[in-house]
């Protein structure tokens, strides 16, 4: 009987770890999707709504970490808004920009790596 209880406890613990990892990945993917124009609105709603709170709770994030992630998402959104305003002021259309695409992609990759390292540092 004791063996069955330990096996059940181990299975539940493993399931919890998998769910926790899934929630962390959802948060990281939402941060990454802030750079995708078609996904941006959903990501903003995620961070401002109940979805982020639920994922952060299951992932075991402290309040300080939650605030830091929300601030990071706001900074990304504000950065993109400023860039968009500058383009419109310069008379450029987003669709015609070709040189900015690779720069944005490189920035996205480096920012994502930094965010992942920051997130992993917060978990330790």
N, C-alpha and C. Protein backbone atom coordinates (compact mmCIF):
# COMPACT_ATOMS: atom_id res chain seq x y z
N UNK A 1 0.82 -1.19 0.00
CA UNK A 1 0.00 0.00 0.00
C UNK A 1 0.87 1.26 0.00
N UNK A 2 1.97 1.22 0.76
CA UNK A 2 2.85 2.36 0.83
C UNK A 2 3.51 2.62 -0.52
N UNK A 3 3.84 1.56 -1.22
CA UNK A 3 4.45 1.69 -2.54
C UNK A 3 3.49 2.38 -3.52
N UNK A 4 2.20 2.02 -3.48
CA UNK A 4 1.20 2.63 -4.35
C UNK A 4 1.05 4.12 -4.05
N UNK A 5 1.07 4.48 -2.77
CA UNK A 5 0.94 5.88 -2.38
C UNK A 5 2.14 6.68 -2.87
N UNK A 6 3.34 6.13 -2.77
CA UNK A 6 4.53 6.81 -3.25
C UNK A 6 4.50 6.97 -4.77
N UNK A 7 4.05 5.94 -5.47
CA UNK A 7 3.96 6.01 -6.93
C UNK A 7 2.96 7.09 -7.34
N UNK A 8 1.83 7.16 -6.63
CA UNK A 8 0.82 8.18 -6.92
C UNK A 8 1.37 9.58 -6.64
N UNK A 9 2.08 9.74 -5.51
CA UNK A 9 2.68 11.02 -5.17
C UNK A 9 3.71 11.44 -6.22
N UNK A 10 4.54 10.51 -6.66
CA UNK A 10 5.56 10.80 -7.67
C UNK A 10 4.90 11.19 -8.99
N UNK A 11 3.83 10.48 -9.36
CA UNK A 11 3.12 10.81 -10.60
C UNK A 11 2.51 12.20 -10.51
N UNK A 12 1.89 12.51 -9.39
CA UNK A 12 1.29 13.84 -9.23
C UNK A 12 2.35 14.93 -9.27
N UNK A 13 3.47 14.66 -8.63
CA UNK A 13 4.57 15.64 -8.61
C UNK A 13 5.10 15.85 -10.03
N UNK A 14 5.25 14.78 -10.78
CA UNK A 14 5.72 14.89 -12.16
C UNK A 14 4.71 15.64 -13.01
N UNK A 15 3.42 15.35 -12.82
CA UNK A 15 2.38 16.06 -13.57
C UNK A 15 2.40 17.54 -13.25
N UNK A 16 2.59 17.90 -11.97
CA UNK A 16 2.66 19.29 -11.56
C UNK A 16 3.85 19.99 -12.22
N UNK A 17 4.98 19.32 -12.27
CA UNK A 17 6.16 19.91 -12.90
C UNK A 17 5.91 20.17 -14.39
N UNK A 18 5.23 19.24 -15.05
CA UNK A 18 4.92 19.42 -16.47
C UNK A 18 3.97 20.60 -16.67
N UNK A 19 2.98 20.72 -15.82
CA UNK A 19 2.03 21.83 -15.93
C UNK A 19 2.74 23.15 -15.63
N UNK A 20 3.59 23.16 -14.64
CA UNK A 20 4.36 24.36 -14.30
C UNK A 20 5.23 24.79 -15.48
N UNK A 21 5.91 23.83 -16.10
CA UNK A 21 6.73 24.14 -17.28
C UNK A 21 5.88 24.67 -18.42
N UNK A 22 4.69 24.11 -18.60
CA UNK A 22 3.79 24.58 -19.65
C UNK A 22 3.38 26.03 -19.41
N UNK A 23 3.08 26.38 -18.17
CA UNK A 23 2.69 27.74 -17.84
C UNK A 23 3.85 28.72 -18.09
N UNK A 24 5.06 28.31 -17.75
CA UNK A 24 6.23 29.15 -18.00
C UNK A 24 6.41 29.38 -19.49
N UNK A 25 6.19 28.33 -20.27
CA UNK A 25 6.34 28.45 -21.72
C UNK A 25 5.27 29.32 -22.33
N UNK A 26 4.06 29.26 -21.78
CA UNK A 26 2.98 30.12 -22.27
C UNK A 26 3.34 31.59 -22.04
N UNK A 27 3.89 31.89 -20.87
CA UNK A 27 4.28 33.27 -20.56
C UNK A 27 5.39 33.72 -21.50
N UNK A 28 6.40 32.88 -21.68
CA UNK A 28 7.51 33.25 -22.56
C UNK A 28 7.05 33.40 -24.01
N UNK A 29 6.16 32.53 -24.45
CA UNK A 29 5.64 32.63 -25.82
C UNK A 29 4.84 33.91 -25.99
N UNK A 30 4.11 34.30 -24.97
CA UNK A 30 3.33 35.54 -25.05
C UNK A 30 4.24 36.76 -25.15
N UNK A 31 5.35 36.72 -24.42
CA UNK A 31 6.32 37.82 -24.52
C UNK A 31 6.90 37.86 -25.93
N UNK A 32 7.22 36.70 -26.47
CA UNK A 32 7.77 36.64 -27.82
C UNK A 32 6.75 37.10 -28.86
N UNK A 33 5.49 36.74 -28.67
CA UNK A 33 4.45 37.10 -29.62
C UNK A 33 4.11 38.59 -29.62
N UNK A 34 4.61 39.33 -28.63
CA UNK A 34 4.41 40.77 -28.65
C UNK A 34 5.09 41.41 -29.86
N UNK A 35 6.05 40.72 -30.46
CA UNK A 35 6.75 41.23 -31.64
C UNK A 35 6.02 40.86 -32.93
N UNK A 36 5.01 40.01 -32.86
CA UNK A 36 4.26 39.59 -34.04
C UNK A 36 3.00 40.44 -34.14
N UNK A 37 2.86 41.15 -35.25
CA UNK A 37 1.75 42.11 -35.35
C UNK A 37 0.38 41.44 -35.23
N UNK A 38 0.21 40.26 -35.76
CA UNK A 38 -1.08 39.59 -35.69
C UNK A 38 -1.42 39.03 -34.31
N UNK A 39 -0.43 38.83 -33.48
CA UNK A 39 -0.63 38.24 -32.15
C UNK A 39 -0.58 39.27 -31.02
N UNK A 40 -0.16 40.48 -31.35
CA UNK A 40 0.10 41.48 -30.33
C UNK A 40 -1.11 41.78 -29.45
N UNK A 41 -2.28 41.96 -30.06
CA UNK A 41 -3.47 42.30 -29.29
C UNK A 41 -3.84 41.20 -28.30
N UNK A 42 -3.74 39.95 -28.75
CA UNK A 42 -4.04 38.83 -27.85
C UNK A 42 -3.06 38.78 -26.69
N UNK A 43 -1.81 39.08 -26.97
CA UNK A 43 -0.78 39.05 -25.91
C UNK A 43 -1.01 40.16 -24.90
N UNK A 44 -1.37 41.33 -25.39
CA UNK A 44 -1.65 42.44 -24.47
C UNK A 44 -2.84 42.08 -23.59
N UNK A 45 -3.87 41.50 -24.18
CA UNK A 45 -5.03 41.07 -23.39
C UNK A 45 -4.64 39.98 -22.39
N UNK A 46 -3.72 39.11 -22.78
CA UNK A 46 -3.25 38.06 -21.88
C UNK A 46 -2.57 38.66 -20.65
N UNK A 47 -1.67 39.62 -20.87
CA UNK A 47 -0.94 40.20 -19.75
C UNK A 47 -1.82 41.10 -18.88
N UNK A 48 -2.79 41.73 -19.48
CA UNK A 48 -3.67 42.62 -18.71
C UNK A 48 -4.86 41.90 -18.11
N UNK A 49 -5.08 40.67 -18.51
CA UNK A 49 -6.25 39.94 -18.06
C UNK A 49 -5.93 38.88 -17.03
N UNK A 50 -6.86 37.98 -16.90
CA UNK A 50 -6.76 36.92 -15.90
C UNK A 50 -5.82 35.80 -16.34
N UNK A 51 -5.57 35.67 -17.62
CA UNK A 51 -4.72 34.59 -18.14
C UNK A 51 -3.33 34.61 -17.56
N UNK A 52 -2.70 35.78 -17.53
CA UNK A 52 -1.36 35.88 -16.98
C UNK A 52 -1.36 35.57 -15.49
N UNK A 53 -2.36 36.05 -14.78
CA UNK A 53 -2.43 35.81 -13.33
C UNK A 53 -2.52 34.31 -13.04
N UNK A 54 -3.32 33.61 -13.81
CA UNK A 54 -3.47 32.16 -13.60
C UNK A 54 -2.18 31.43 -13.94
N UNK A 55 -1.59 31.75 -15.09
CA UNK A 55 -0.34 31.09 -15.49
C UNK A 55 0.78 31.38 -14.50
N UNK A 56 0.87 32.62 -14.04
CA UNK A 56 1.92 32.99 -13.09
C UNK A 56 1.73 32.29 -11.75
N UNK A 57 0.49 32.13 -11.33
CA UNK A 57 0.20 31.44 -10.07
C UNK A 57 0.62 29.97 -10.17
N UNK A 58 0.23 29.32 -11.26
CA UNK A 58 0.57 27.90 -11.43
C UNK A 58 2.07 27.72 -11.60
N UNK A 59 2.72 28.68 -12.29
CA UNK A 59 4.16 28.60 -12.48
C UNK A 59 4.92 28.89 -11.18
N UNK A 60 4.23 29.42 -10.18
CA UNK A 60 4.86 29.68 -8.89
C UNK A 60 5.65 30.98 -8.84
N UNK A 61 5.28 31.95 -9.67
CA UNK A 61 5.99 33.22 -9.69
C UNK A 61 5.61 34.07 -8.47
N UNK A 62 6.59 34.75 -7.94
CA UNK A 62 6.36 35.68 -6.85
C UNK A 62 5.80 36.98 -7.43
N UNK A 63 5.23 37.80 -6.56
CA UNK A 63 4.64 39.07 -6.99
C UNK A 63 5.67 39.94 -7.70
N UNK A 64 6.86 40.00 -7.16
CA UNK A 64 7.92 40.81 -7.76
C UNK A 64 8.21 40.36 -9.20
N UNK A 65 8.27 39.07 -9.42
CA UNK A 65 8.53 38.54 -10.76
C UNK A 65 7.38 38.85 -11.71
N UNK A 66 6.15 38.76 -11.20
CA UNK A 66 4.98 39.09 -12.03
C UNK A 66 5.04 40.54 -12.50
N UNK A 67 5.37 41.42 -11.57
CA UNK A 67 5.44 42.84 -11.90
C UNK A 67 6.55 43.09 -12.92
N UNK A 68 7.67 42.44 -12.75
CA UNK A 68 8.78 42.61 -13.70
C UNK A 68 8.39 42.14 -15.10
N UNK A 69 7.68 41.02 -15.19
CA UNK A 69 7.27 40.52 -16.51
C UNK A 69 6.24 41.44 -17.16
N UNK A 70 5.31 41.95 -16.37
CA UNK A 70 4.30 42.88 -16.91
C UNK A 70 4.98 44.17 -17.37
N UNK A 71 5.94 44.66 -16.59
CA UNK A 71 6.68 45.86 -16.99
C UNK A 71 7.46 45.61 -18.28
N UNK A 72 8.04 44.43 -18.40
CA UNK A 72 8.77 44.07 -19.62
C UNK A 72 7.83 44.08 -20.83
N UNK A 73 6.66 43.50 -20.67
CA UNK A 73 5.68 43.48 -21.76
C UNK A 73 5.25 44.90 -22.12
N UNK A 74 5.05 45.76 -21.13
CA UNK A 74 4.69 47.15 -21.39
C UNK A 74 5.80 47.89 -22.13
N UNK A 75 7.05 47.63 -21.74
CA UNK A 75 8.17 48.29 -22.42
C UNK A 75 8.25 47.87 -23.88
N UNK A 76 8.03 46.59 -24.15
CA UNK A 76 8.06 46.11 -25.53
C UNK A 76 6.94 46.77 -26.33
N UNK A 77 5.76 46.83 -25.75
CA UNK A 77 4.62 47.43 -26.44
C UNK A 77 4.86 48.92 -26.69
N UNK A 78 5.36 49.62 -25.69
CA UNK A 78 5.64 51.06 -25.86
C UNK A 78 6.73 51.30 -26.89
N UNK A 79 7.75 50.45 -26.89
CA UNK A 79 8.82 50.57 -27.88
C UNK A 79 8.27 50.43 -29.29
N UNK A 80 7.41 49.46 -29.49
CA UNK A 80 6.83 49.25 -30.81
C UNK A 80 5.91 50.39 -31.20
N UNK A 81 5.17 50.93 -30.24
CA UNK A 81 4.28 52.05 -30.53
C UNK A 81 5.08 53.27 -30.96
N UNK A 82 6.19 53.53 -30.29
CA UNK A 82 7.04 54.67 -30.66
C UNK A 82 7.62 54.48 -32.05
N UNK A 83 8.07 53.27 -32.37
CA UNK A 83 8.61 53.00 -33.70
C UNK A 83 7.54 53.21 -34.77
N UNK A 84 6.33 52.76 -34.49
CA UNK A 84 5.25 52.90 -35.44
C UNK A 84 4.92 54.38 -35.67
N UNK A 85 4.93 55.17 -34.59
CA UNK A 85 4.66 56.60 -34.72
C UNK A 85 5.75 57.29 -35.53
N UNK A 86 7.00 56.91 -35.30
CA UNK A 86 8.10 57.51 -36.05
C UNK A 86 7.99 57.19 -37.52
N UNK A 87 7.59 55.97 -37.85
CA UNK A 87 7.43 55.59 -39.26
C UNK A 87 6.33 56.40 -39.91
N UNK A 88 5.22 56.55 -39.19
CA UNK A 88 4.10 57.31 -39.76
C UNK A 88 4.48 58.77 -39.93
N UNK A 89 5.23 59.32 -38.98
CA UNK A 89 5.67 60.70 -39.08
C UNK A 89 6.61 60.89 -40.27
N UNK A 90 7.39 59.89 -40.57
CA UNK A 90 8.33 59.97 -41.69
C UNK A 90 7.64 59.69 -43.03
N UNK A 91 6.38 59.31 -42.99
CA UNK A 91 5.63 59.07 -44.22
C UNK A 91 5.86 57.69 -44.81
N UNK A 92 6.37 56.77 -44.01
CA UNK A 92 6.62 55.42 -44.50
C UNK A 92 5.45 54.51 -44.12
N UNK A 93 5.25 53.50 -44.93
CA UNK A 93 4.26 52.49 -44.60
C UNK A 93 4.98 51.27 -44.07
N UNK A 94 4.36 50.60 -43.10
CA UNK A 94 4.99 49.41 -42.51
C UNK A 94 5.22 48.31 -43.54
N UNK A 95 4.33 48.17 -44.51
CA UNK A 95 4.43 47.09 -45.47
C UNK A 95 5.63 47.26 -46.42
N UNK A 96 6.04 48.50 -46.67
CA UNK A 96 7.10 48.74 -47.63
C UNK A 96 8.49 48.68 -47.02
N UNK A 97 8.58 48.58 -45.70
CA UNK A 97 9.89 48.53 -45.07
C UNK A 97 10.47 47.13 -45.21
N UNK A 98 11.64 47.04 -45.82
CA UNK A 98 12.28 45.74 -45.95
C UNK A 98 13.51 45.66 -45.08
N UNK A 99 14.21 46.75 -44.90
CA UNK A 99 15.44 46.71 -44.10
C UNK A 99 15.13 46.54 -42.63
N UNK A 100 13.97 47.00 -42.16
CA UNK A 100 13.62 46.90 -40.75
C UNK A 100 13.21 45.50 -40.34
N UNK A 101 12.85 44.67 -41.29
CA UNK A 101 12.39 43.33 -40.95
C UNK A 101 13.52 42.51 -40.34
N UNK A 102 14.68 42.50 -40.95
CA UNK A 102 15.78 41.71 -40.41
C UNK A 102 16.26 42.29 -39.09
N UNK A 103 16.27 43.63 -38.96
CA UNK A 103 16.66 44.25 -37.70
C UNK A 103 15.70 43.88 -36.58
N UNK A 104 14.41 43.88 -36.88
CA UNK A 104 13.40 43.50 -35.89
C UNK A 104 13.56 42.05 -35.52
N UNK A 105 13.82 41.20 -36.51
CA UNK A 105 13.99 39.78 -36.22
C UNK A 105 15.19 39.54 -35.33
N UNK A 106 16.32 40.18 -35.62
CA UNK A 106 17.51 40.04 -34.79
C UNK A 106 17.26 40.56 -33.38
N UNK A 107 16.54 41.68 -33.29
CA UNK A 107 16.22 42.23 -31.98
C UNK A 107 15.31 41.27 -31.22
N UNK A 108 14.38 40.67 -31.95
CA UNK A 108 13.46 39.72 -31.33
C UNK A 108 14.23 38.53 -30.76
N UNK A 109 15.17 38.01 -31.52
CA UNK A 109 15.93 36.86 -31.05
C UNK A 109 16.78 37.22 -29.84
N UNK A 110 17.46 38.35 -29.88
CA UNK A 110 18.31 38.71 -28.76
C UNK A 110 17.47 39.04 -27.53
N UNK A 111 16.32 39.70 -27.74
CA UNK A 111 15.46 40.03 -26.61
C UNK A 111 14.88 38.77 -26.00
N UNK A 112 14.49 37.82 -26.84
CA UNK A 112 13.93 36.58 -26.34
C UNK A 112 14.96 35.82 -25.52
N UNK A 113 16.19 35.78 -25.98
CA UNK A 113 17.25 35.09 -25.23
C UNK A 113 17.48 35.79 -23.89
N UNK A 114 17.50 37.12 -23.91
CA UNK A 114 17.69 37.86 -22.66
C UNK A 114 16.52 37.61 -21.71
N UNK A 115 15.29 37.60 -22.25
CA UNK A 115 14.12 37.37 -21.42
C UNK A 115 14.15 35.98 -20.82
N UNK A 116 14.56 35.00 -21.61
CA UNK A 116 14.62 33.64 -21.11
C UNK A 116 15.65 33.55 -20.00
N UNK A 117 16.83 34.17 -20.19
CA UNK A 117 17.84 34.15 -19.14
C UNK A 117 17.36 34.86 -17.90
N UNK A 118 16.66 35.99 -18.09
CA UNK A 118 16.11 36.73 -16.95
C UNK A 118 15.08 35.90 -16.23
N UNK A 119 14.23 35.23 -17.01
CA UNK A 119 13.17 34.43 -16.42
C UNK A 119 13.78 33.25 -15.64
N UNK A 120 14.78 32.60 -16.21
CA UNK A 120 15.42 31.48 -15.52
C UNK A 120 16.14 31.96 -14.27
N UNK A 121 16.72 33.14 -14.32
CA UNK A 121 17.39 33.70 -13.13
C UNK A 121 16.39 33.99 -12.03
N UNK A 122 15.20 34.42 -12.42
CA UNK A 122 14.16 34.71 -11.43
C UNK A 122 13.68 33.44 -10.75
N UNK A 123 13.70 32.34 -11.48
CA UNK A 123 13.21 31.08 -10.92
C UNK A 123 14.17 30.47 -9.92
N UNK A 124 15.44 30.84 -10.00
CA UNK A 124 16.45 30.25 -9.11
C UNK A 124 16.39 30.84 -7.74
